[in-house]
Amino acid sequence: MDGRALIAWNLRRIRVSQGVSQERLAFDAGIDRAYVGGIERKTENPSVDILERLAATLRVEIAELFVRPAPNAEAPTRLKAGRRPNIKRS
């Protein structure tokens, strides 16, 4: 697995496990949503500064983006499509 694929795998794995959409991650990190999608599709080559911003936004160490998956690991899933229901708070 090359570097871009490794980062794409881990970014999606962490983001989905936290229930964070690409749009929310991008907004919170101050990055364009299409760029986050490009990182996950392996079409973008992010700088270390961008990786640090993404890791900080997800509250993980940057090293988490470079963890090699187990040989038999299933690919990270996607979040369910659609918006979350609007929850009324009292």
PDB file of N, CA and C in Angstrom:
ATOM      1  N   MET A   1       0.860  -1.171   0.000  1.00  0.00           N
ATOM      2  CA  MET A   1       0.000   0.000   0.000  1.00  0.00           C
ATOM      3  C   MET A   1       0.906   1.234   0.000  1.00  0.00           C
ATOM      4  N   ASP A   2       0.701   2.123  -0.981  1.00  0.00           N
ATOM      5  CA  ASP A   2       1.530   3.319  -1.044  1.00  0.00           C
ATOM      6  C   ASP A   2       1.051   4.382  -0.049  1.00  0.00           C
ATOM      7  N   GLY A   3       1.789   5.461   0.049  1.00  0.00           N
ATOM      8  CA  GLY A   3       1.501   6.500   1.038  1.00  0.00           C
ATOM      9  C   GLY A   3       0.124   7.128   0.893  1.00  0.00           C
ATOM     10  N   ARG A   4      -0.265   7.467  -0.328  1.00  0.00           N
ATOM     11  CA  ARG A   4      -1.591   8.074  -0.525  1.00  0.00           C
ATOM     12  C   ARG A   4      -2.702   7.120  -0.117  1.00  0.00           C
ATOM     13  N   ALA A   5      -2.553   5.853  -0.496  1.00  0.00           N
ATOM     14  CA  ALA A   5      -3.574   4.861  -0.143  1.00  0.00           C
ATOM     15  C   ALA A   5      -3.650   4.673   1.367  1.00  0.00           C
ATOM     16  N   LEU A   6      -2.519   4.698   2.029  1.00  0.00           N
ATOM     17  CA  LEU A   6      -2.465   4.534   3.477  1.00  0.00           C
ATOM     18  C   LEU A   6      -3.175   5.692   4.180  1.00  0.00           C
ATOM     19  N   ILE A   7      -2.894   6.902   3.733  1.00  0.00           N
ATOM     20  CA  ILE A   7      -3.542   8.075   4.319  1.00  0.00           C
ATOM     21  C   ILE A   7      -5.033   8.053   4.028  1.00  0.00           C
ATOM     22  N   ALA A   8      -5.413   7.725   2.798  1.00  0.00           N
ATOM     23  CA  ALA A   8      -6.833   7.670   2.428  1.00  0.00           C
ATOM     24  C   ALA A   8      -7.576   6.663   3.297  1.00  0.00           C
ATOM     25  N   TRP A   9      -7.003   5.482   3.452  1.00  0.00           N
ATOM     26  CA  TRP A   9      -7.605   4.405   4.257  1.00  0.00           C
ATOM     27  C   TRP A   9      -7.841   4.890   5.687  1.00  0.00           C
ATOM     28  N   ASN A  10      -6.795   5.431   6.291  1.00  0.00           N
ATOM     29  CA  ASN A  10      -6.882   5.825   7.696  1.00  0.00           C
ATOM     30  C   ASN A  10      -7.750   7.055   7.918  1.00  0.00           C
ATOM     31  N   LEU A  11      -7.692   8.010   7.013  1.00  0.00           N
ATOM     32  CA  LEU A  11      -8.538   9.193   7.163  1.00  0.00           C
ATOM     33  C   LEU A  11     -10.011   8.779   7.154  1.00  0.00           C
ATOM     34  N   ARG A  12     -10.393   7.946   6.189  1.00  0.00           N
ATOM     35  CA  ARG A  12     -11.786   7.499   6.128  1.00  0.00           C
ATOM     36  C   ARG A  12     -12.137   6.651   7.350  1.00  0.00           C
ATOM     37  N   ARG A  13     -11.243   5.749   7.746  1.00  0.00           N
ATOM     38  CA  ARG A  13     -11.491   4.878   8.901  1.00  0.00           C
ATOM     39  C   ARG A  13     -11.759   5.708  10.165  1.00  0.00           C
ATOM     40  N   ILE A  14     -10.921   6.679  10.415  1.00  0.00           N
ATOM     41  CA  ILE A  14     -11.061   7.505  11.618  1.00  0.00           C
ATOM     42  C   ILE A  14     -12.304   8.384  11.513  1.00  0.00           C
ATOM     43  N   ARG A  15     -12.472   9.025  10.367  1.00  0.00           N
ATOM     44  CA  ARG A  15     -13.608   9.941  10.176  1.00  0.00           C
ATOM     45  C   ARG A  15     -14.938   9.212  10.348  1.00  0.00           C
ATOM     46  N   VAL A  16     -15.085   8.064   9.709  1.00  0.00           N
ATOM     47  CA  VAL A  16     -16.336   7.307   9.774  1.00  0.00           C
ATOM     48  C   VAL A  16     -16.559   6.756  11.183  1.00  0.00           C
ATOM     49  N   SER A  17     -15.492   6.283  11.836  1.00  0.00           N
ATOM     50  CA  SER A  17     -15.649   5.745  13.195  1.00  0.00           C
ATOM     51  C   SER A  17     -16.129   6.817  14.162  1.00  0.00           C
ATOM     52  N   GLN A  18     -15.820   8.078  13.873  1.00  0.00           N
ATOM     53  CA  GLN A  18     -16.273   9.183  14.713  1.00  0.00           C
ATOM     54  C   GLN A  18     -17.609   9.765  14.243  1.00  0.00           C
ATOM     55  N   GLY A  19     -18.126   9.246  13.124  1.00  0.00           N
ATOM     56  CA  GLY A  19     -19.404   9.725  12.606  1.00  0.00           C
ATOM     57  C   GLY A  19     -19.329  11.134  12.035  1.00  0.00           C
ATOM     58  N   VAL A  20     -18.179  11.495  11.487  1.00  0.00           N
ATOM     59  CA  VAL A  20     -17.962  12.841  10.951  1.00  0.00           C
ATOM     60  C   VAL A  20     -18.044  12.794   9.429  1.00  0.00           C
ATOM     61  N   SER A  21     -18.827  13.671   8.842  1.00  0.00           N
ATOM     62  CA  SER A  21     -18.927  13.729   7.384  1.00  0.00           C
ATOM     63  C   SER A  21     -17.698  14.434   6.805  1.00  0.00           C
ATOM     64  N   GLN A  22     -17.465  14.230   5.529  1.00  0.00           N
ATOM     65  CA  GLN A  22     -16.385  14.948   4.861  1.00  0.00           C
ATOM     66  C   GLN A  22     -16.613  16.451   4.964  1.00  0.00           C
ATOM     67  N   GLU A  23     -17.852  16.851   4.797  1.00  0.00           N
ATOM     68  CA  GLU A  23     -18.195  18.268   4.848  1.00  0.00           C
ATOM     69  C   GLU A  23     -17.873  18.870   6.212  1.00  0.00           C
ATOM     70  N   ARG A  24     -18.247  18.176   7.278  1.00  0.00           N
ATOM     71  CA  ARG A  24     -17.992  18.661   8.643  1.00  0.00           C
ATOM     72  C   ARG A  24     -16.496  18.710   8.934  1.00  0.00           C
ATOM     73  N   LEU A  25     -15.777  17.650   8.542  1.00  0.00           N
ATOM     74  CA  LEU A  25     -14.331  17.612   8.758  1.00  0.00           C
ATOM     75  C   LEU A  25     -13.659  18.763   8.016  1.00  0.00           C
ATOM     76  N   ALA A  26     -14.030  18.947   6.768  1.00  0.00           N
ATOM     77  CA  ALA A  26     -13.438  20.012   5.966  1.00  0.00           C
ATOM     78  C   ALA A  26     -13.709  21.379   6.585  1.00  0.00           C
ATOM     79  N   PHE A  27     -14.946  21.623   6.980  1.00  0.00           N
ATOM     80  CA  PHE A  27     -15.308  22.911   7.578  1.00  0.00           C
ATOM     81  C   PHE A  27     -14.501  23.159   8.850  1.00  0.00           C
ATOM     82  N   ASP A  28     -14.473  22.170   9.730  1.00  0.00           N
ATOM     83  CA  ASP A  28     -13.775  22.329  11.007  1.00  0.00           C
ATOM     84  C   ASP A  28     -12.263  22.485  10.837  1.00  0.00           C
ATOM     85  N   ALA A  29     -11.711  21.865   9.785  1.00  0.00           N
ATOM     86  CA  ALA A  29     -10.268  21.945   9.538  1.00  0.00           C
ATOM     87  C   ALA A  29      -9.897  23.138   8.658  1.00  0.00           C
ATOM     88  N   GLY A  30     -10.902  23.840   8.117  1.00  0.00           N
ATOM     89  CA  GLY A  30     -10.635  24.979   7.249  1.00  0.00           C
ATOM     90  C   GLY A  30     -10.095  24.562   5.883  1.00  0.00           C
ATOM     91  N   ILE A  31     -10.621  23.442   5.380  1.00  0.00           N
ATOM     92  CA  ILE A  31     -10.188  22.885   4.094  1.00  0.00           C
ATOM     93  C   ILE A  31     -11.425  22.699   3.224  1.00  0.00           C
ATOM     94  N   ASP A  32     -11.264  22.799   1.911  1.00  0.00           N
ATOM     95  CA  ASP A  32     -12.382  22.577   1.009  1.00  0.00           C
ATOM     96  C   ASP A  32     -12.846  21.117   1.076  1.00  0.00           C
ATOM     97  N   ARG A  33     -14.162  20.890   1.057  1.00  0.00           N
ATOM     98  CA  ARG A  33     -14.718  19.543   1.154  1.00  0.00           C
ATOM     99  C   ARG A  33     -14.251  18.663  -0.005  1.00  0.00           C
ATOM    100  N   ALA A  34     -14.170  19.240  -1.188  1.00  0.00           N
ATOM    101  CA  ALA A  34     -13.721  18.468  -2.346  1.00  0.00           C
ATOM    102  C   ALA A  34     -12.282  17.994  -2.164  1.00  0.00           C
ATOM    103  N   TYR A  35     -11.481  18.763  -1.461  1.00  0.00           N
ATOM    104  CA  TYR A  35     -10.091  18.365  -1.207  1.00  0.00           C
ATOM    105  C   TYR A  35     -10.046  17.170  -0.264  1.00  0.00           C
ATOM    106  N   VAL A  36     -10.884  17.176   0.768  1.00  0.00           N
ATOM    107  CA  VAL A  36     -10.952  16.027   1.678  1.00  0.00           C
ATOM    108  C   VAL A  36     -11.383  14.788   0.896  1.00  0.00           C
ATOM    109  N   GLY A  37     -12.383  14.929   0.050  1.00  0.00           N
ATOM    110  CA  GLY A  37     -12.814  13.811  -0.790  1.00  0.00           C
ATOM    111  C   GLY A  37     -11.697  13.326  -1.699  1.00  0.00           C
ATOM    112  N   GLY A  38     -10.921  14.254  -2.236  1.00  0.00           N
ATOM    113  CA  GLY A  38      -9.796  13.891  -3.084  1.00  0.00           C
ATOM    114  C   GLY A  38      -8.713  13.129  -2.329  1.00  0.00           C
ATOM    115  N   ILE A  39      -8.493  13.501  -1.080  1.00  0.00           N
ATOM    116  CA  ILE A  39      -7.523  12.769  -0.261  1.00  0.00           C
ATOM    117  C   ILE A  39      -8.009  11.332  -0.082  1.00  0.00           C
ATOM    118  N   GLU A  40      -9.298  11.174   0.227  1.00  0.00           N
ATOM    119  CA  GLU A  40      -9.851   9.833   0.437  1.00  0.00           C
ATOM    120  C   GLU A  40      -9.909   9.016  -0.854  1.00  0.00           C
ATOM    121  N   ARG A  41      -9.979   9.678  -2.008  1.00  0.00           N
ATOM    122  CA  ARG A  41      -9.981   8.972  -3.299  1.00  0.00           C
ATOM    123  C   ARG A  41      -8.569   8.785  -3.847  1.00  0.00           C
ATOM    124  N   LYS A  42      -7.574   9.305  -3.136  1.00  0.00           N
ATOM    125  CA  LYS A  42      -6.162   9.204  -3.509  1.00  0.00           C
ATOM    126  C   LYS A  42      -5.802  10.037  -4.728  1.00  0.00           C
ATOM    127  N   THR A  43      -6.581  11.080  -5.026  1.00  0.00           N
ATOM    128  CA  THR A  43      -6.254  11.955  -6.149  1.00  0.00           C
ATOM    129  C   THR A  43      -5.525  13.212  -5.698  1.00  0.00           C
ATOM    130  N   GLU A  44      -5.513  13.473  -4.405  1.00  0.00           N
ATOM    131  CA  GLU A  44      -4.810  14.636  -3.850  1.00  0.00           C
ATOM    132  C   GLU A  44      -3.595  14.165  -3.071  1.00  0.00           C
ATOM    133  N   ASN A  45      -2.577  15.006  -3.029  1.00  0.00           N
ATOM    134  CA  ASN A  45      -1.352  14.716  -2.305  1.00  0.00           C
ATOM    135  C   ASN A  45      -1.197  15.784  -1.216  1.00  0.00           C
ATOM    136  N   PRO A  46      -1.782  15.553  -0.024  1.00  0.00           N
ATOM    137  CA  PRO A  46      -1.807  16.597   1.002  1.00  0.00           C
ATOM    138  C   PRO A  46      -0.434  16.866   1.603  1.00  0.00           C
ATOM    139  N   SER A  47      -0.232  18.106   1.997  1.00  0.00           N
ATOM    140  CA  SER A  47       1.010  18.485   2.678  1.00  0.00           C
ATOM    141  C   SER A  47       0.959  18.029   4.130  1.00  0.00           C
ATOM    142  N   VAL A  48       2.083  18.087   4.781  1.00  0.00           N
ATOM    143  CA  VAL A  48       2.146  17.749   6.196  1.00  0.00           C
ATOM    144  C   VAL A  48       1.263  18.713   6.994  1.00  0.00           C
ATOM    145  N   ASP A  49       1.239  19.974   6.606  1.00  0.00           N
ATOM    146  CA  ASP A  49       0.397  20.954   7.305  1.00  0.00           C
ATOM    147  C   ASP A  49      -1.077  20.556   7.238  1.00  0.00           C
ATOM    148  N   ILE A  50      -1.535  20.126   6.082  1.00  0.00           N
ATOM    149  CA  ILE A  50      -2.928  19.692   5.929  1.00  0.00           C
ATOM    150  C   ILE A  50      -3.190  18.452   6.775  1.00  0.00           C
ATOM    151  N   LEU A  51      -2.265  17.495   6.747  1.00  0.00           N
ATOM    152  CA  LEU A  51      -2.436  16.283   7.557  1.00  0.00           C
ATOM    153  C   LEU A  51      -2.488  16.615   9.042  1.00  0.00           C
ATOM    154  N   GLU A  52      -1.674  17.572   9.479  1.00  0.00           N
ATOM    155  CA  GLU A  52      -1.705  17.990  10.882  1.00  0.00           C
ATOM    156  C   GLU A  52      -3.050  18.610  11.235  1.00  0.00           C
ATOM    157  N   ARG A  53      -3.604  19.435  10.342  1.00  0.00           N
ATOM    158  CA  ARG A  53      -4.910  20.056  10.595  1.00  0.00           C
ATOM    159  C   ARG A  53      -6.014  19.011  10.666  1.00  0.00           C
ATOM    160  N   LEU A  54      -5.978  18.044   9.757  1.00  0.00           N
ATOM    161  CA  LEU A  54      -6.990  16.984   9.769  1.00  0.00           C
ATOM    162  C   LEU A  54      -6.889  16.150  11.040  1.00  0.00           C
ATOM    163  N   ALA A  55      -5.662  15.766  11.411  1.00  0.00           N
ATOM    164  CA  ALA A  55      -5.460  14.964  12.620  1.00  0.00           C
ATOM    165  C   ALA A  55      -5.924  15.738  13.855  1.00  0.00           C
ATOM    166  N   ALA A  56      -5.577  17.006  13.950  1.00  0.00           N
ATOM    167  CA  ALA A  56      -5.987  17.816  15.099  1.00  0.00           C
ATOM    168  C   ALA A  56      -7.503  17.938  15.163  1.00  0.00           C
ATOM    169  N   THR A  57      -8.138  18.124  14.017  1.00  0.00           N
ATOM    170  CA  THR A  57      -9.601  18.237  13.973  1.00  0.00           C
ATOM    171  C   THR A  57     -10.257  16.936  14.428  1.00  0.00           C
ATOM    172  N   LEU A  58      -9.662  15.801  14.056  1.00  0.00           N
ATOM    173  CA  LEU A  58     -10.198  14.495  14.453  1.00  0.00           C
ATOM    174  C   LEU A  58      -9.717  14.076  15.850  1.00  0.00           C
ATOM    175  N   ARG A  59      -8.885  14.903  16.464  1.00  0.00           N
ATOM    176  CA  ARG A  59      -8.348  14.658  17.814  1.00  0.00           C
ATOM    177  C   ARG A  59      -7.566  13.340  17.889  1.00  0.00           C
ATOM    178  N   VAL A  60      -6.696  13.137  16.893  1.00  0.00           N
ATOM    179  CA  VAL A  60      -5.797  11.983  16.882  1.00  0.00           C
ATOM    180  C   VAL A  60      -4.394  12.492  16.568  1.00  0.00           C
ATOM    181  N   GLU A  61      -3.409  11.677  16.888  1.00  0.00           N
ATOM    182  CA  GLU A  61      -2.030  12.003  16.517  1.00  0.00           C
ATOM    183  C   GLU A  61      -1.873  11.823  15.009  1.00  0.00           C
ATOM    184  N   ILE A  62      -1.018  12.611  14.393  1.00  0.00           N
ATOM    185  CA  ILE A  62      -0.806  12.508  12.952  1.00  0.00           C
ATOM    186  C   ILE A  62      -0.342  11.097  12.569  1.00  0.00           C
ATOM    187  N   ALA A  63       0.353  10.423  13.466  1.00  0.00           N
ATOM    188  CA  ALA A  63       0.831   9.060  13.204  1.00  0.00           C
ATOM    189  C   ALA A  63      -0.322   8.103  12.924  1.00  0.00           C
ATOM    190  N   GLU A  64      -1.521   8.399  13.433  1.00  0.00           N
ATOM    191  CA  GLU A  64      -2.691   7.540  13.175  1.00  0.00           C
ATOM    192  C   GLU A  64      -3.033   7.477  11.691  1.00  0.00           C
ATOM    193  N   LEU A  65      -2.628   8.493  10.937  1.00  0.00           N
ATOM    194  CA  LEU A  65      -2.905   8.517   9.499  1.00  0.00           C
ATOM    195  C   LEU A  65      -1.948   7.607   8.722  1.00  0.00           C
ATOM    196  N   PHE A  66      -0.937   7.060   9.414  1.00  0.00           N
ATOM    197  CA  PHE A  66       0.060   6.219   8.761  1.00  0.00           C
ATOM    198  C   PHE A  66       0.076   4.783   9.280  1.00  0.00           C
ATOM    199  N   VAL A  67      -0.946   4.392  10.030  1.00  0.00           N
ATOM    200  CA  VAL A  67      -1.021   3.034  10.580  1.00  0.00           C
ATOM    201  C   VAL A  67      -1.366   2.061   9.460  1.00  0.00           C
ATOM    202  N   ARG A  68      -0.565   1.020   9.315  1.00  0.00           N
ATOM    203  CA  ARG A  68      -0.836   0.005   8.293  1.00  0.00           C
ATOM    204  C   ARG A  68      -1.967  -0.908   8.754  1.00  0.00           C
ATOM    205  N   PRO A  69      -2.976  -1.118   7.906  1.00  0.00           N
ATOM    206  CA  PRO A  69      -4.060  -2.028   8.282  1.00  0.00           C
ATOM    207  C   PRO A  69      -3.577  -3.475   8.274  1.00  0.00           C
ATOM    208  N   ALA A  70      -4.256  -4.307   9.030  1.00  0.00           N
ATOM    209  CA  ALA A  70      -3.951  -5.736   9.032  1.00  0.00           C
ATOM    210  C   ALA A  70      -4.167  -6.285   7.624  1.00  0.00           C
ATOM    211  N   PRO A  71      -3.435  -7.319   7.244  1.00  0.00           N
ATOM    212  CA  PRO A  71      -3.562  -7.872   5.886  1.00  0.00           C
ATOM    213  C   PRO A  71      -4.989  -8.275   5.512  1.00  0.00           C
ATOM    214  N   ASN A  72      -5.782  -8.720   6.468  1.00  0.00           N
ATOM    215  CA  ASN A  72      -7.150  -9.156   6.176  1.00  0.00           C
ATOM    216  C   ASN A  72      -8.206  -8.119   6.564  1.00  0.00           C
ATOM    217  N   ALA A  73      -7.797  -6.880   6.830  1.00  0.00           N
ATOM    218  CA  ALA A  73      -8.734  -5.837   7.258  1.00  0.00           C
ATOM    219  C   ALA A  73      -9.679  -5.463   6.118  1.00  0.00           C
ATOM    220  N   GLU A  74     -10.929  -5.268   6.481  1.00  0.00           N
ATOM    221  CA  GLU A  74     -11.914  -4.814   5.493  1.00  0.00           C
ATOM    222  C   GLU A  74     -11.752  -3.311   5.283  1.00  0.00           C
ATOM    223  N   ALA A  75     -12.041  -2.872   4.073  1.00  0.00           N
ATOM    224  CA  ALA A  75     -11.944  -1.450   3.762  1.00  0.00           C
ATOM    225  C   ALA A  75     -12.905  -0.656   4.638  1.00  0.00           C
ATOM    226  N   PRO A  76     -12.523   0.562   5.009  1.00  0.00           N
ATOM    227  CA  PRO A  76     -13.420   1.390   5.823  1.00  0.00           C
ATOM    228  C   PRO A  76     -14.741   1.627   5.085  1.00  0.00           C
ATOM    229  N   THR A  77     -15.815   1.629   5.845  1.00  0.00           N
ATOM    230  CA  THR A  77     -17.135   1.849   5.256  1.00  0.00           C
ATOM    231  C   THR A  77     -17.378   3.335   5.057  1.00  0.00           C
ATOM    232  N   ARG A  78     -18.515   3.632   4.487  1.00  0.00           N
ATOM    233  CA  ARG A  78     -18.939   5.025   4.310  1.00  0.00           C
ATOM    234  C   ARG A  78     -20.009   5.344   5.333  1.00  0.00           C
ATOM    235  N   LEU A  79     -20.186   6.625   5.586  1.00  0.00           N
ATOM    236  CA  LEU A  79     -21.301   7.043   6.434  1.00  0.00           C
ATOM    237  C   LEU A  79     -22.591   6.842   5.664  1.00  0.00           C
ATOM    238  N   LYS A  80     -23.684   6.643   6.384  1.00  0.00           N
ATOM    239  CA  LYS A  80     -24.983   6.544   5.728  1.00  0.00           C
ATOM    240  C   LYS A  80     -25.281   7.851   5.010  1.00  0.00           C
ATOM    241  N   ALA A  81     -25.880   7.737   3.853  1.00  0.00           N
ATOM    242  CA  ALA A  81     -26.218   8.923   3.069  1.00  0.00           C
ATOM    243  C   ALA A  81     -27.333   9.711   3.740  1.00  0.00           C
ATOM    244  N   GLY A  82     -27.379  10.972   3.434  1.00  0.00           N
ATOM    245  CA  GLY A  82     -28.439  11.819   3.969  1.00  0.00           C
ATOM    246  C   GLY A  82     -27.998  12.591   5.186  1.00  0.00           C
ATOM    247  N   ARG A  83     -28.866  13.439   5.612  1.00  0.00           N
ATOM    248  CA  ARG A  83     -28.569  14.287   6.765  1.00  0.00           C
ATOM    249  C   ARG A  83     -29.071  13.641   8.044  1.00  0.00           C
ATOM    250  N   ARG A  84     -28.436  14.009   9.124  1.00  0.00           N
ATOM    251  CA  ARG A  84     -28.894  13.542  10.424  1.00  0.00           C
ATOM    252  C   ARG A  84     -30.217  14.222  10.753  1.00  0.00           C
ATOM    253  N   PRO A  85     -31.072  13.543  11.488  1.00  0.00           N
ATOM    254  CA  PRO A  85     -32.343  14.184  11.858  1.00  0.00           C
ATOM    255  C   PRO A  85     -32.083  15.383  12.761  1.00  0.00           C
ATOM    256  N   ASN A  86     -32.934  16.367  12.640  1.00  0.00           N
ATOM    257  CA  ASN A  86     -32.813  17.565  13.475  1.00  0.00           C
ATOM    258  C   ASN A  86     -33.295  17.230  14.886  1.00  0.00           C
ATOM    259  N   ILE A  87     -32.425  17.303  15.845  1.00  0.00           N
ATOM    260  CA  ILE A  87     -32.757  16.954  17.227  1.00  0.00           C
ATOM    261  C   ILE A  87     -33.110  18.222  17.977  1.00  0.00           C
ATOM    262  N   LYS A  88     -34.297  18.242  18.545  1.00  0.00           N
ATOM    263  CA  LYS A  88     -34.738  19.389  19.333  1.00  0.00           C
ATOM    264  C   LYS A  88     -34.132  19.298  20.727  1.00  0.00           C
ATOM    265  N   ARG A  89     -33.556  20.397  21.172  1.00  0.00           N
ATOM    266  CA  ARG A  89     -32.980  20.433  22.517  1.00  0.00           C
ATOM    267  C   ARG A  89     -33.825  21.359  23.377  1.00  0.00           C
ATOM    268  N   SER A  90     -34.070  20.910  24.589  1.00  0.00           N
ATOM    269  CA  SER A  90     -34.888  21.761  25.464  1.00  0.00           C
ATOM    270  C   SER A  90     -34.056  22.472  26.472  1.00  0.00           C
TER     271      SER A  90
END
